[in-house]
Amino acid sequence: MGFTDLYLRPAGIDENAIRFEDATKLVSALAHAKADAVLASLAADPAPPPPPTSDGAPVGATLLLTGDQVVVHAGRILEKPRNADDVRAYLAGYGSSPAVTVGSTVVTDVATGRRWEGADRAEVYFRPLPSAVVEGLIEEGAVFGCAGALMVEHALVGPFVECVVGEQSAVMGLSKTTTRGLIEAALSGEGGSLRKGSGTG
C-alpha cells in the first residue's frame, strides 16, 4: 500500500481465551486484544526508531496495525483448522453454500493510545473442490494457518472460485481499502477513540 518503515511484532495472545458467538464482535475483540498485547510489549521493549527522512522532515506518527478474521459458513464461525478432518469438512461445505469472511482492522497511535477500527465482510462462492485438491492442500500445510482453511489465492483453489462478492484483499485477511482509510484517519488525527476491546461474552 506504499507505506515504509514497517516493523513486525507478534502479539502472542491466547486467541482461544476470547470467545463471542457473534463473528463481528469476536474479530473486533481479538484485534483489540492484539493491540493491547503489542502495546504492552512495546512499553517493555520499544521498537527501533524509524530512520531520519532524507529531506530532514519530522518523522511521522508511529502506528500499530492489528486485525483478525474468521470465516462464517452456514451460521457457524470457522477459525483456523485444528487438523486434517477440519480442513476436509470446511472445504466440503463451501461447495454447497458460500464462505463469508468477517474481518476487523484496528489502527492505534502508539503515542496517544487512540484507536481507529474498521470492519469488512466478503462472500466467496465455490464449485465443489475435488478430494485430490483438498488432500494436496492438507499435505502442503498452508491451510492450517488460515481461518476456515480458506485460500482463494492458492493455485489449486483458484479454478474452483466462482465469484467473490466484496474485496479480494479482505478475503485474504486484510482489506486494503479499510486499512488505508484507517491509517489516513489516524495520520490526520480525525476521530478515533480510547476504547479497548478484549474480553469474553
N, C-alpha and C. Protein backbone atom coordinates (compact mmCIF):
# COMPACT_ATOMS: atom_id res chain seq x y z
N MET A 1 0.82 -1.21 0.00
CA MET A 1 0.00 0.00 0.00
C MET A 1 0.85 1.26 0.00
N GLY A 2 2.16 1.11 -0.16
CA GLY A 2 3.01 2.27 -0.28
C GLY A 2 3.60 2.78 1.01
N PHE A 3 3.38 2.10 2.12
CA PHE A 3 3.93 2.56 3.40
C PHE A 3 5.31 1.93 3.63
N THR A 4 6.18 2.67 4.31
CA THR A 4 7.54 2.20 4.56
C THR A 4 7.83 2.19 6.06
N ASP A 5 9.05 1.80 6.41
CA ASP A 5 9.49 1.74 7.81
C ASP A 5 8.55 0.87 8.64
N LEU A 6 8.30 -0.33 8.15
CA LEU A 6 7.41 -1.26 8.84
C LEU A 6 8.22 -2.15 9.79
N TYR A 7 7.61 -2.47 10.91
CA TYR A 7 8.26 -3.30 11.93
C TYR A 7 7.24 -4.30 12.43
N LEU A 8 7.57 -5.58 12.39
CA LEU A 8 6.64 -6.64 12.77
C LEU A 8 6.92 -7.11 14.19
N ARG A 9 5.83 -7.30 14.95
CA ARG A 9 5.98 -7.86 16.29
C ARG A 9 4.75 -8.73 16.59
N PRO A 10 4.94 -10.01 16.93
CA PRO A 10 3.79 -10.88 17.23
C PRO A 10 3.10 -10.46 18.52
N ALA A 11 1.77 -10.63 18.54
CA ALA A 11 1.01 -10.28 19.74
C ALA A 11 1.15 -11.35 20.82
N GLY A 12 1.18 -12.62 20.39
CA GLY A 12 1.37 -13.72 21.34
C GLY A 12 0.23 -13.91 22.31
N ILE A 13 -1.00 -13.61 21.88
CA ILE A 13 -2.14 -13.79 22.79
C ILE A 13 -2.74 -15.19 22.64
N ASP A 14 -3.50 -15.60 23.63
CA ASP A 14 -4.25 -16.86 23.56
C ASP A 14 -5.61 -16.54 22.95
N GLU A 15 -5.73 -16.74 21.64
CA GLU A 15 -6.97 -16.38 20.96
C GLU A 15 -8.16 -17.20 21.44
N ASN A 16 -7.90 -18.41 21.90
CA ASN A 16 -9.00 -19.27 22.36
C ASN A 16 -9.61 -18.79 23.67
N ALA A 17 -8.92 -17.88 24.36
CA ALA A 17 -9.45 -17.36 25.63
C ALA A 17 -10.48 -16.26 25.41
N ILE A 18 -10.61 -15.79 24.18
CA ILE A 18 -11.57 -14.72 23.86
C ILE A 18 -12.66 -15.31 22.98
N ARG A 19 -13.87 -15.35 23.49
CA ARG A 19 -14.97 -16.02 22.81
C ARG A 19 -16.19 -15.12 22.71
N PHE A 20 -16.73 -15.00 21.52
CA PHE A 20 -18.01 -14.36 21.27
C PHE A 20 -18.75 -15.19 20.23
N GLU A 21 -20.05 -15.30 20.36
CA GLU A 21 -20.83 -16.04 19.37
C GLU A 21 -21.04 -15.23 18.11
N ASP A 22 -20.98 -13.91 18.23
CA ASP A 22 -21.13 -13.03 17.08
C ASP A 22 -19.76 -12.82 16.43
N ALA A 23 -19.67 -13.12 15.13
CA ALA A 23 -18.37 -13.07 14.45
C ALA A 23 -17.76 -11.67 14.45
N THR A 24 -18.59 -10.65 14.25
CA THR A 24 -18.07 -9.28 14.22
C THR A 24 -17.50 -8.88 15.57
N LYS A 25 -18.20 -9.24 16.65
CA LYS A 25 -17.70 -8.94 18.00
C LYS A 25 -16.42 -9.72 18.29
N LEU A 26 -16.36 -10.96 17.80
CA LEU A 26 -15.19 -11.79 18.06
C LEU A 26 -13.94 -11.21 17.42
N VAL A 27 -14.01 -10.88 16.13
CA VAL A 27 -12.80 -10.38 15.46
C VAL A 27 -12.41 -9.01 16.00
N SER A 28 -13.39 -8.20 16.39
CA SER A 28 -13.08 -6.90 16.99
C SER A 28 -12.35 -7.09 18.31
N ALA A 29 -12.86 -7.98 19.15
CA ALA A 29 -12.22 -8.22 20.45
C ALA A 29 -10.80 -8.75 20.28
N LEU A 30 -10.60 -9.64 19.31
CA LEU A 30 -9.27 -10.20 19.07
C LEU A 30 -8.31 -9.13 18.55
N ALA A 31 -8.78 -8.28 17.64
CA ALA A 31 -7.92 -7.23 17.11
C ALA A 31 -7.50 -6.26 18.22
N HIS A 32 -8.43 -5.91 19.10
CA HIS A 32 -8.10 -5.01 20.21
C HIS A 32 -7.18 -5.70 21.23
N ALA A 33 -7.42 -6.98 21.48
CA ALA A 33 -6.56 -7.72 22.41
C ALA A 33 -5.13 -7.78 21.89
N LYS A 34 -4.98 -7.96 20.59
CA LYS A 34 -3.64 -7.97 20.00
C LYS A 34 -2.98 -6.60 20.16
N ALA A 35 -3.76 -5.54 19.97
CA ALA A 35 -3.21 -4.19 20.16
C ALA A 35 -2.76 -3.99 21.60
N ASP A 36 -3.60 -4.42 22.55
CA ASP A 36 -3.23 -4.32 23.97
C ASP A 36 -1.90 -5.02 24.24
N ALA A 37 -1.77 -6.24 23.70
CA ALA A 37 -0.58 -7.05 23.97
C ALA A 37 0.67 -6.43 23.35
N VAL A 38 0.55 -5.95 22.12
CA VAL A 38 1.72 -5.37 21.47
C VAL A 38 2.12 -4.05 22.14
N LEU A 39 1.14 -3.24 22.54
CA LEU A 39 1.47 -2.00 23.24
C LEU A 39 2.22 -2.29 24.54
N ALA A 40 1.78 -3.32 25.26
CA ALA A 40 2.47 -3.70 26.49
C ALA A 40 3.89 -4.17 26.19
N SER A 41 4.04 -4.91 25.09
CA SER A 41 5.36 -5.39 24.68
C SER A 41 6.27 -4.23 24.30
N LEU A 42 5.71 -3.25 23.60
CA LEU A 42 6.50 -2.09 23.18
C LEU A 42 6.94 -1.25 24.37
N ALA A 43 6.10 -1.22 25.41
CA ALA A 43 6.46 -0.46 26.61
C ALA A 43 7.69 -1.07 27.28
N ALA A 44 7.78 -2.40 27.22
CA ALA A 44 8.91 -3.10 27.84
C ALA A 44 10.13 -3.17 26.93
N ASP A 45 9.87 -3.22 25.62
CA ASP A 45 10.95 -3.39 24.64
C ASP A 45 10.60 -2.60 23.40
N PRO A 46 10.90 -1.30 23.38
CA PRO A 46 10.46 -0.44 22.27
C PRO A 46 11.01 -0.90 20.92
N ALA A 47 10.23 -0.60 19.88
CA ALA A 47 10.68 -0.87 18.52
C ALA A 47 11.81 0.09 18.17
N PRO A 48 12.68 -0.30 17.25
CA PRO A 48 13.74 0.63 16.83
C PRO A 48 13.14 1.87 16.18
N PRO A 49 13.72 3.05 16.43
CA PRO A 49 13.16 4.27 15.83
C PRO A 49 13.30 4.25 14.32
N PRO A 50 12.37 4.87 13.61
CA PRO A 50 12.49 4.93 12.15
C PRO A 50 13.69 5.78 11.75
N PRO A 51 14.28 5.48 10.60
CA PRO A 51 15.43 6.28 10.16
C PRO A 51 14.99 7.70 9.84
N PRO A 52 15.89 8.67 9.94
CA PRO A 52 15.52 10.05 9.60
C PRO A 52 15.15 10.17 8.13
N THR A 53 14.27 11.09 7.83
CA THR A 53 13.87 11.29 6.44
C THR A 53 15.00 11.94 5.66
N SER A 54 15.03 11.69 4.36
CA SER A 54 16.13 12.19 3.53
C SER A 54 16.13 13.71 3.44
N ASP A 55 14.95 14.34 3.58
CA ASP A 55 14.88 15.79 3.47
C ASP A 55 14.89 16.49 4.82
N GLY A 56 15.08 15.72 5.89
CA GLY A 56 15.14 16.32 7.21
C GLY A 56 13.79 16.63 7.82
N ALA A 57 12.70 16.23 7.15
CA ALA A 57 11.36 16.50 7.67
C ALA A 57 11.12 15.67 8.93
N PRO A 58 10.25 16.14 9.82
CA PRO A 58 9.97 15.37 11.05
C PRO A 58 9.41 13.99 10.72
N VAL A 59 9.78 13.02 11.53
CA VAL A 59 9.26 11.66 11.38
C VAL A 59 7.80 11.66 11.82
N GLY A 60 6.94 10.98 11.08
CA GLY A 60 5.52 10.96 11.39
C GLY A 60 5.19 10.09 12.58
N ALA A 61 3.88 9.92 12.80
CA ALA A 61 3.40 9.14 13.94
C ALA A 61 3.78 7.67 13.78
N THR A 62 3.93 6.99 14.92
CA THR A 62 4.13 5.55 14.91
C THR A 62 2.77 4.90 15.11
N LEU A 63 2.35 4.11 14.13
CA LEU A 63 1.04 3.48 14.16
C LEU A 63 1.19 1.97 14.29
N LEU A 64 0.30 1.38 15.06
CA LEU A 64 0.25 -0.07 15.24
C LEU A 64 -0.97 -0.61 14.51
N LEU A 65 -0.76 -1.60 13.66
CA LEU A 65 -1.85 -2.21 12.90
C LEU A 65 -2.08 -3.64 13.39
N THR A 66 -3.29 -3.92 13.85
CA THR A 66 -3.66 -5.27 14.27
C THR A 66 -4.99 -5.64 13.63
N GLY A 67 -5.26 -6.92 13.56
CA GLY A 67 -6.52 -7.34 12.96
C GLY A 67 -6.78 -8.80 13.21
N ASP A 68 -7.96 -9.22 12.81
CA ASP A 68 -8.31 -10.63 12.90
C ASP A 68 -9.41 -10.93 11.89
N GLN A 69 -9.52 -12.20 11.54
CA GLN A 69 -10.54 -12.63 10.59
C GLN A 69 -11.03 -14.02 10.95
N VAL A 70 -12.31 -14.23 10.75
CA VAL A 70 -12.88 -15.57 10.82
C VAL A 70 -13.70 -15.79 9.55
N VAL A 71 -14.03 -17.04 9.32
CA VAL A 71 -14.92 -17.40 8.22
C VAL A 71 -16.22 -17.91 8.84
N VAL A 72 -17.33 -17.45 8.30
CA VAL A 72 -18.64 -17.93 8.75
C VAL A 72 -19.23 -18.76 7.62
N HIS A 73 -19.66 -19.96 7.96
CA HIS A 73 -20.28 -20.84 6.97
C HIS A 73 -21.51 -21.48 7.57
N ALA A 74 -22.63 -21.30 6.91
CA ALA A 74 -23.90 -21.88 7.37
C ALA A 74 -24.18 -21.50 8.83
N GLY A 75 -23.86 -20.26 9.17
CA GLY A 75 -24.13 -19.76 10.51
C GLY A 75 -23.11 -20.14 11.57
N ARG A 76 -22.07 -20.83 11.19
CA ARG A 76 -21.06 -21.30 12.14
C ARG A 76 -19.74 -20.58 11.92
N ILE A 77 -19.11 -20.12 13.01
CA ILE A 77 -17.82 -19.46 12.92
C ILE A 77 -16.72 -20.51 12.76
N LEU A 78 -15.91 -20.34 11.72
CA LEU A 78 -14.79 -21.24 11.47
C LEU A 78 -13.49 -20.47 11.65
N GLU A 79 -12.63 -20.96 12.52
CA GLU A 79 -11.32 -20.35 12.70
C GLU A 79 -10.27 -21.24 12.02
N LYS A 80 -9.04 -21.17 12.43
CA LYS A 80 -8.01 -21.99 11.80
C LYS A 80 -8.27 -23.47 12.09
N PRO A 81 -8.16 -24.32 11.07
CA PRO A 81 -8.42 -25.75 11.29
C PRO A 81 -7.42 -26.37 12.26
N ARG A 82 -7.93 -27.24 13.12
CA ARG A 82 -7.06 -27.90 14.11
C ARG A 82 -6.38 -29.13 13.55
N ASN A 83 -6.99 -29.73 12.52
CA ASN A 83 -6.46 -30.97 11.98
C ASN A 83 -6.97 -31.16 10.56
N ALA A 84 -6.56 -32.26 9.93
CA ALA A 84 -6.94 -32.53 8.54
C ALA A 84 -8.44 -32.72 8.38
N ASP A 85 -9.08 -33.32 9.37
CA ASP A 85 -10.53 -33.51 9.29
C ASP A 85 -11.27 -32.18 9.24
N ASP A 86 -10.77 -31.19 9.99
CA ASP A 86 -11.37 -29.86 9.93
C ASP A 86 -11.26 -29.28 8.52
N VAL A 87 -10.09 -29.42 7.92
CA VAL A 87 -9.88 -28.90 6.56
C VAL A 87 -10.87 -29.56 5.60
N ARG A 88 -10.98 -30.87 5.67
CA ARG A 88 -11.89 -31.58 4.77
C ARG A 88 -13.33 -31.12 4.96
N ALA A 89 -13.75 -30.97 6.21
CA ALA A 89 -15.13 -30.57 6.50
C ALA A 89 -15.40 -29.15 6.03
N TYR A 90 -14.47 -28.25 6.31
CA TYR A 90 -14.66 -26.85 5.90
C TYR A 90 -14.78 -26.74 4.39
N LEU A 91 -13.82 -27.32 3.68
CA LEU A 91 -13.78 -27.18 2.23
C LEU A 91 -14.94 -27.89 1.55
N ALA A 92 -15.38 -29.00 2.11
CA ALA A 92 -16.54 -29.69 1.55
C ALA A 92 -17.78 -28.82 1.65
N GLY A 93 -17.91 -28.11 2.75
CA GLY A 93 -19.08 -27.26 2.95
C GLY A 93 -19.18 -26.11 1.98
N TYR A 94 -18.03 -25.60 1.54
CA TYR A 94 -18.06 -24.44 0.66
C TYR A 94 -18.63 -24.76 -0.72
N GLY A 95 -18.69 -26.03 -1.06
CA GLY A 95 -19.27 -26.39 -2.34
C GLY A 95 -20.78 -26.26 -2.38
N SER A 96 -21.42 -26.14 -1.21
CA SER A 96 -22.88 -26.07 -1.16
C SER A 96 -23.41 -24.70 -0.77
N SER A 97 -22.60 -23.90 -0.07
CA SER A 97 -23.03 -22.55 0.31
C SER A 97 -21.78 -21.70 0.52
N PRO A 98 -21.91 -20.38 0.37
CA PRO A 98 -20.71 -19.53 0.36
C PRO A 98 -19.99 -19.45 1.69
N ALA A 99 -18.70 -19.22 1.60
CA ALA A 99 -17.89 -18.88 2.77
C ALA A 99 -17.92 -17.37 2.91
N VAL A 100 -18.21 -16.90 4.11
CA VAL A 100 -18.29 -15.46 4.38
C VAL A 100 -17.14 -15.08 5.30
N THR A 101 -16.28 -14.18 4.84
CA THR A 101 -15.18 -13.72 5.69
C THR A 101 -15.63 -12.48 6.46
N VAL A 102 -15.30 -12.45 7.74
CA VAL A 102 -15.61 -11.31 8.60
C VAL A 102 -14.30 -10.87 9.24
N GLY A 103 -13.93 -9.62 9.01
CA GLY A 103 -12.64 -9.14 9.50
C GLY A 103 -12.75 -7.84 10.27
N SER A 104 -11.78 -7.61 11.13
CA SER A 104 -11.67 -6.36 11.86
C SER A 104 -10.23 -5.87 11.76
N THR A 105 -10.07 -4.58 11.54
CA THR A 105 -8.75 -3.96 11.48
C THR A 105 -8.72 -2.81 12.47
N VAL A 106 -7.68 -2.75 13.28
CA VAL A 106 -7.53 -1.69 14.28
C VAL A 106 -6.19 -1.00 14.07
N VAL A 107 -6.22 0.31 13.96
CA VAL A 107 -5.00 1.12 13.88
C VAL A 107 -4.90 1.92 15.16
N THR A 108 -3.76 1.82 15.83
CA THR A 108 -3.54 2.51 17.10
C THR A 108 -2.37 3.48 16.99
N ASP A 109 -2.57 4.70 17.45
CA ASP A 109 -1.47 5.65 17.57
C ASP A 109 -0.71 5.28 18.84
N VAL A 110 0.52 4.82 18.67
CA VAL A 110 1.28 4.30 19.80
C VAL A 110 1.51 5.37 20.87
N ALA A 111 1.70 6.61 20.46
CA ALA A 111 1.99 7.67 21.42
C ALA A 111 0.78 8.04 22.28
N THR A 112 -0.41 8.04 21.68
CA THR A 112 -1.61 8.51 22.39
C THR A 112 -2.53 7.39 22.85
N GLY A 113 -2.40 6.21 22.24
CA GLY A 113 -3.30 5.11 22.54
C GLY A 113 -4.63 5.19 21.82
N ARG A 114 -4.85 6.25 21.06
CA ARG A 114 -6.12 6.40 20.35
C ARG A 114 -6.21 5.37 19.22
N ARG A 115 -7.44 4.83 19.03
CA ARG A 115 -7.62 3.74 18.06
C ARG A 115 -8.70 4.06 17.03
N TRP A 116 -8.47 3.51 15.85
CA TRP A 116 -9.44 3.60 14.76
C TRP A 116 -9.72 2.17 14.32
N GLU A 117 -11.00 1.84 14.17
CA GLU A 117 -11.36 0.46 13.84
C GLU A 117 -12.28 0.41 12.63
N GLY A 118 -12.09 -0.60 11.81
CA GLY A 118 -12.96 -0.83 10.67
C GLY A 118 -13.30 -2.31 10.55
N ALA A 119 -14.45 -2.60 9.96
CA ALA A 119 -14.88 -3.98 9.76
C ALA A 119 -15.11 -4.21 8.27
N ASP A 120 -14.95 -5.43 7.84
CA ASP A 120 -15.21 -5.76 6.44
C ASP A 120 -15.80 -7.16 6.34
N ARG A 121 -16.47 -7.39 5.24
CA ARG A 121 -17.17 -8.65 5.02
C ARG A 121 -17.15 -8.96 3.53
N ALA A 122 -16.94 -10.22 3.19
CA ALA A 122 -16.96 -10.64 1.79
C ALA A 122 -17.52 -12.06 1.70
N GLU A 123 -18.06 -12.40 0.54
CA GLU A 123 -18.61 -13.73 0.31
C GLU A 123 -17.85 -14.40 -0.83
N VAL A 124 -17.55 -15.68 -0.65
CA VAL A 124 -16.84 -16.44 -1.68
C VAL A 124 -17.69 -17.64 -2.07
N TYR A 125 -17.98 -17.75 -3.36
CA TYR A 125 -18.79 -18.86 -3.88
C TYR A 125 -17.87 -19.83 -4.63
N PHE A 126 -18.01 -21.10 -4.29
CA PHE A 126 -17.15 -22.15 -4.84
C PHE A 126 -17.95 -23.18 -5.62
N ARG A 127 -17.27 -23.78 -6.60
CA ARG A 127 -17.70 -25.07 -7.10
C ARG A 127 -17.08 -26.12 -6.18
N PRO A 128 -17.67 -27.32 -6.07
CA PRO A 128 -17.09 -28.34 -5.18
C PRO A 128 -15.63 -28.61 -5.50
N LEU A 129 -14.81 -28.67 -4.46
CA LEU A 129 -13.38 -28.96 -4.64
C LEU A 129 -13.17 -30.47 -4.68
N PRO A 130 -12.46 -30.98 -5.68
CA PRO A 130 -12.17 -32.42 -5.74
C PRO A 130 -11.33 -32.85 -4.54
N SER A 131 -11.49 -34.09 -4.15
CA SER A 131 -10.76 -34.60 -2.98
C SER A 131 -9.25 -34.53 -3.20
N ALA A 132 -8.80 -34.69 -4.45
CA ALA A 132 -7.37 -34.62 -4.73
C ALA A 132 -6.82 -33.22 -4.41
N VAL A 133 -7.62 -32.20 -4.69
CA VAL A 133 -7.21 -30.83 -4.38
C VAL A 133 -7.15 -30.64 -2.87
N VAL A 134 -8.17 -31.12 -2.18
CA VAL A 134 -8.23 -30.97 -0.72
C VAL A 134 -7.04 -31.67 -0.07
N GLU A 135 -6.76 -32.90 -0.50
CA GLU A 135 -5.65 -33.65 0.09
C GLU A 135 -4.31 -32.99 -0.24
N GLY A 136 -4.21 -32.40 -1.42
CA GLY A 136 -2.99 -31.69 -1.77
C GLY A 136 -2.75 -30.49 -0.87
N LEU A 137 -3.83 -29.78 -0.54
CA LEU A 137 -3.72 -28.64 0.37
C LEU A 137 -3.32 -29.08 1.77
N ILE A 138 -3.89 -30.20 2.20
CA ILE A 138 -3.55 -30.72 3.53
C ILE A 138 -2.08 -31.11 3.59
N GLU A 139 -1.62 -31.79 2.54
CA GLU A 139 -0.22 -32.23 2.52
C GLU A 139 0.73 -31.04 2.51
N GLU A 140 0.36 -30.00 1.77
CA GLU A 140 1.20 -28.80 1.70
C GLU A 140 1.24 -28.08 3.05
N GLY A 141 0.08 -28.01 3.73
CA GLY A 141 0.06 -27.50 5.10
C GLY A 141 -0.30 -26.05 5.32
N ALA A 142 -0.27 -25.22 4.29
CA ALA A 142 -0.51 -23.79 4.49
C ALA A 142 -1.93 -23.49 4.96
N VAL A 143 -2.89 -24.35 4.63
CA VAL A 143 -4.29 -24.09 5.01
C VAL A 143 -4.48 -24.09 6.52
N PHE A 144 -3.58 -24.72 7.26
CA PHE A 144 -3.74 -24.78 8.71
C PHE A 144 -3.51 -23.41 9.37
N GLY A 145 -2.94 -22.49 8.62
CA GLY A 145 -2.74 -21.15 9.15
C GLY A 145 -3.79 -20.16 8.71
N CYS A 146 -4.85 -20.65 8.05
CA CYS A 146 -5.87 -19.76 7.50
C CYS A 146 -7.23 -20.01 8.14
N ALA A 147 -7.92 -18.95 8.51
CA ALA A 147 -9.27 -19.08 9.05
C ALA A 147 -10.14 -19.84 8.06
N GLY A 148 -10.82 -20.87 8.55
CA GLY A 148 -11.70 -21.65 7.70
C GLY A 148 -10.99 -22.41 6.60
N ALA A 149 -9.66 -22.54 6.69
CA ALA A 149 -8.86 -23.19 5.63
C ALA A 149 -9.10 -22.54 4.28
N LEU A 150 -9.41 -21.25 4.31
CA LEU A 150 -9.80 -20.53 3.09
C LEU A 150 -8.58 -19.88 2.45
N MET A 151 -8.26 -20.32 1.22
CA MET A 151 -7.10 -19.79 0.49
C MET A 151 -7.49 -19.57 -0.97
N VAL A 152 -8.25 -18.52 -1.23
CA VAL A 152 -8.73 -18.29 -2.60
C VAL A 152 -7.59 -17.98 -3.56
N GLU A 153 -6.46 -17.48 -3.01
CA GLU A 153 -5.34 -17.10 -3.87
C GLU A 153 -4.47 -18.29 -4.28
N HIS A 154 -4.71 -19.46 -3.68
CA HIS A 154 -3.87 -20.63 -3.95
C HIS A 154 -4.15 -21.15 -5.36
N ALA A 155 -3.09 -21.57 -6.04
CA ALA A 155 -3.21 -22.05 -7.42
C ALA A 155 -4.13 -23.25 -7.54
N LEU A 156 -4.19 -24.10 -6.52
CA LEU A 156 -5.08 -25.26 -6.57
C LEU A 156 -6.54 -24.89 -6.35
N VAL A 157 -6.77 -23.79 -5.63
CA VAL A 157 -8.13 -23.41 -5.24
C VAL A 157 -8.77 -22.46 -6.24
N GLY A 158 -7.97 -21.55 -6.79
CA GLY A 158 -8.48 -20.51 -7.68
C GLY A 158 -9.43 -20.99 -8.77
N PRO A 159 -9.13 -22.09 -9.47
CA PRO A 159 -10.02 -22.53 -10.54
C PRO A 159 -11.43 -22.91 -10.08
N PHE A 160 -11.62 -23.10 -8.78
CA PHE A 160 -12.92 -23.52 -8.27
C PHE A 160 -13.69 -22.37 -7.61
N VAL A 161 -13.14 -21.16 -7.67
CA VAL A 161 -13.83 -19.99 -7.14
C VAL A 161 -14.74 -19.45 -8.23
N GLU A 162 -16.05 -19.47 -7.98
CA GLU A 162 -17.00 -18.96 -8.97
C GLU A 162 -17.05 -17.44 -8.95
N CYS A 163 -17.13 -16.85 -7.77
CA CYS A 163 -17.12 -15.39 -7.68
C CYS A 163 -16.85 -14.96 -6.25
N VAL A 164 -16.38 -13.73 -6.12
CA VAL A 164 -16.16 -13.10 -4.81
C VAL A 164 -17.01 -11.85 -4.76
N VAL A 165 -17.85 -11.75 -3.74
CA VAL A 165 -18.66 -10.56 -3.53
C VAL A 165 -18.00 -9.76 -2.41
N GLY A 166 -17.30 -8.71 -2.78
CA GLY A 166 -16.53 -7.95 -1.81
C GLY A 166 -15.10 -7.80 -2.30
N GLU A 167 -14.25 -7.32 -1.43
CA GLU A 167 -12.87 -7.03 -1.81
C GLU A 167 -11.99 -8.27 -1.65
N GLN A 168 -11.23 -8.57 -2.69
CA GLN A 168 -10.36 -9.75 -2.67
C GLN A 168 -9.37 -9.69 -1.51
N SER A 169 -8.81 -8.51 -1.25
CA SER A 169 -7.84 -8.40 -0.15
C SER A 169 -8.49 -8.67 1.20
N ALA A 170 -9.79 -8.36 1.33
CA ALA A 170 -10.50 -8.66 2.58
C ALA A 170 -10.62 -10.16 2.77
N VAL A 171 -10.87 -10.89 1.69
CA VAL A 171 -10.95 -12.35 1.76
C VAL A 171 -9.61 -12.92 2.20
N MET A 172 -8.53 -12.30 1.76
CA MET A 172 -7.19 -12.80 2.07
C MET A 172 -6.70 -12.36 3.45
N GLY A 173 -7.53 -11.60 4.18
CA GLY A 173 -7.20 -11.31 5.57
C GLY A 173 -7.04 -9.87 5.97
N LEU A 174 -6.86 -8.95 5.01
CA LEU A 174 -6.67 -7.55 5.36
C LEU A 174 -7.16 -6.68 4.20
N SER A 175 -8.30 -6.01 4.41
CA SER A 175 -8.85 -5.15 3.37
C SER A 175 -7.94 -3.94 3.14
N LYS A 176 -7.46 -3.79 1.91
CA LYS A 176 -6.61 -2.64 1.60
C LYS A 176 -7.38 -1.33 1.75
N THR A 177 -8.63 -1.32 1.30
CA THR A 177 -9.43 -0.10 1.38
C THR A 177 -9.66 0.31 2.83
N THR A 178 -10.07 -0.65 3.66
CA THR A 178 -10.31 -0.36 5.07
C THR A 178 -9.03 0.10 5.76
N THR A 179 -7.95 -0.63 5.52
CA THR A 179 -6.68 -0.32 6.19
C THR A 179 -6.16 1.06 5.80
N ARG A 180 -6.19 1.35 4.52
CA ARG A 180 -5.71 2.66 4.07
C ARG A 180 -6.55 3.78 4.67
N GLY A 181 -7.87 3.60 4.70
CA GLY A 181 -8.74 4.62 5.28
C GLY A 181 -8.46 4.86 6.75
N LEU A 182 -8.23 3.78 7.50
CA LEU A 182 -7.93 3.91 8.92
C LEU A 182 -6.59 4.60 9.15
N ILE A 183 -5.59 4.24 8.37
CA ILE A 183 -4.28 4.86 8.52
C ILE A 183 -4.35 6.35 8.19
N GLU A 184 -5.07 6.69 7.12
CA GLU A 184 -5.20 8.10 6.76
C GLU A 184 -5.93 8.88 7.84
N ALA A 185 -6.97 8.27 8.44
CA ALA A 185 -7.68 8.93 9.53
C ALA A 185 -6.78 9.13 10.74
N ALA A 186 -5.97 8.11 11.04
CA ALA A 186 -5.07 8.21 12.18
C ALA A 186 -4.01 9.28 11.96
N LEU A 187 -3.47 9.35 10.75
CA LEU A 187 -2.45 10.35 10.46
C LEU A 187 -3.01 11.76 10.49
N SER A 188 -4.29 11.90 10.15
CA SER A 188 -4.91 13.22 10.18
C SER A 188 -5.39 13.59 11.58
N GLY A 189 -5.48 12.57 12.46
CA GLY A 189 -5.95 12.82 13.82
C GLY A 189 -7.45 12.93 13.95
N GLU A 190 -8.18 12.58 12.89
CA GLU A 190 -9.64 12.69 12.91
C GLU A 190 -10.27 11.45 13.53
N GLY A 191 -11.22 11.66 14.45
CA GLY A 191 -11.96 10.54 15.03
C GLY A 191 -11.10 9.72 15.97
N GLY A 192 -11.40 8.44 16.01
CA GLY A 192 -10.68 7.53 16.90
C GLY A 192 -11.26 7.56 18.30
N SER A 193 -10.83 6.61 19.12
CA SER A 193 -11.30 6.51 20.50
C SER A 193 -10.23 5.85 21.35
N LEU A 194 -10.44 5.87 22.65
CA LEU A 194 -9.52 5.22 23.58
C LEU A 194 -10.07 3.88 24.05
N ARG A 195 -11.09 3.38 23.34
CA ARG A 195 -11.74 2.12 23.71
C ARG A 195 -10.77 0.96 23.59
N LYS A 196 -10.90 0.01 24.52
CA LYS A 196 -10.17 -1.26 24.44
C LYS A 196 -11.20 -2.36 24.35
N GLY A 197 -10.93 -3.37 23.48
CA GLY A 197 -11.98 -4.32 23.19
C GLY A 197 -11.74 -5.76 23.53
N SER A 198 -10.79 -6.10 24.38
CA SER A 198 -10.58 -7.51 24.70
C SER A 198 -11.54 -7.95 25.77
N GLY A 199 -11.84 -9.26 25.78
CA GLY A 199 -12.74 -9.78 26.80
C GLY A 199 -13.44 -11.02 26.35
N THR A 200 -14.52 -11.38 27.04
CA THR A 200 -15.31 -12.54 26.69
C THR A 200 -16.77 -12.16 26.69
N GLY A 201 -17.59 -13.01 26.04
CA GLY A 201 -19.01 -12.72 26.05
C GLY A 201 -19.75 -13.64 25.14
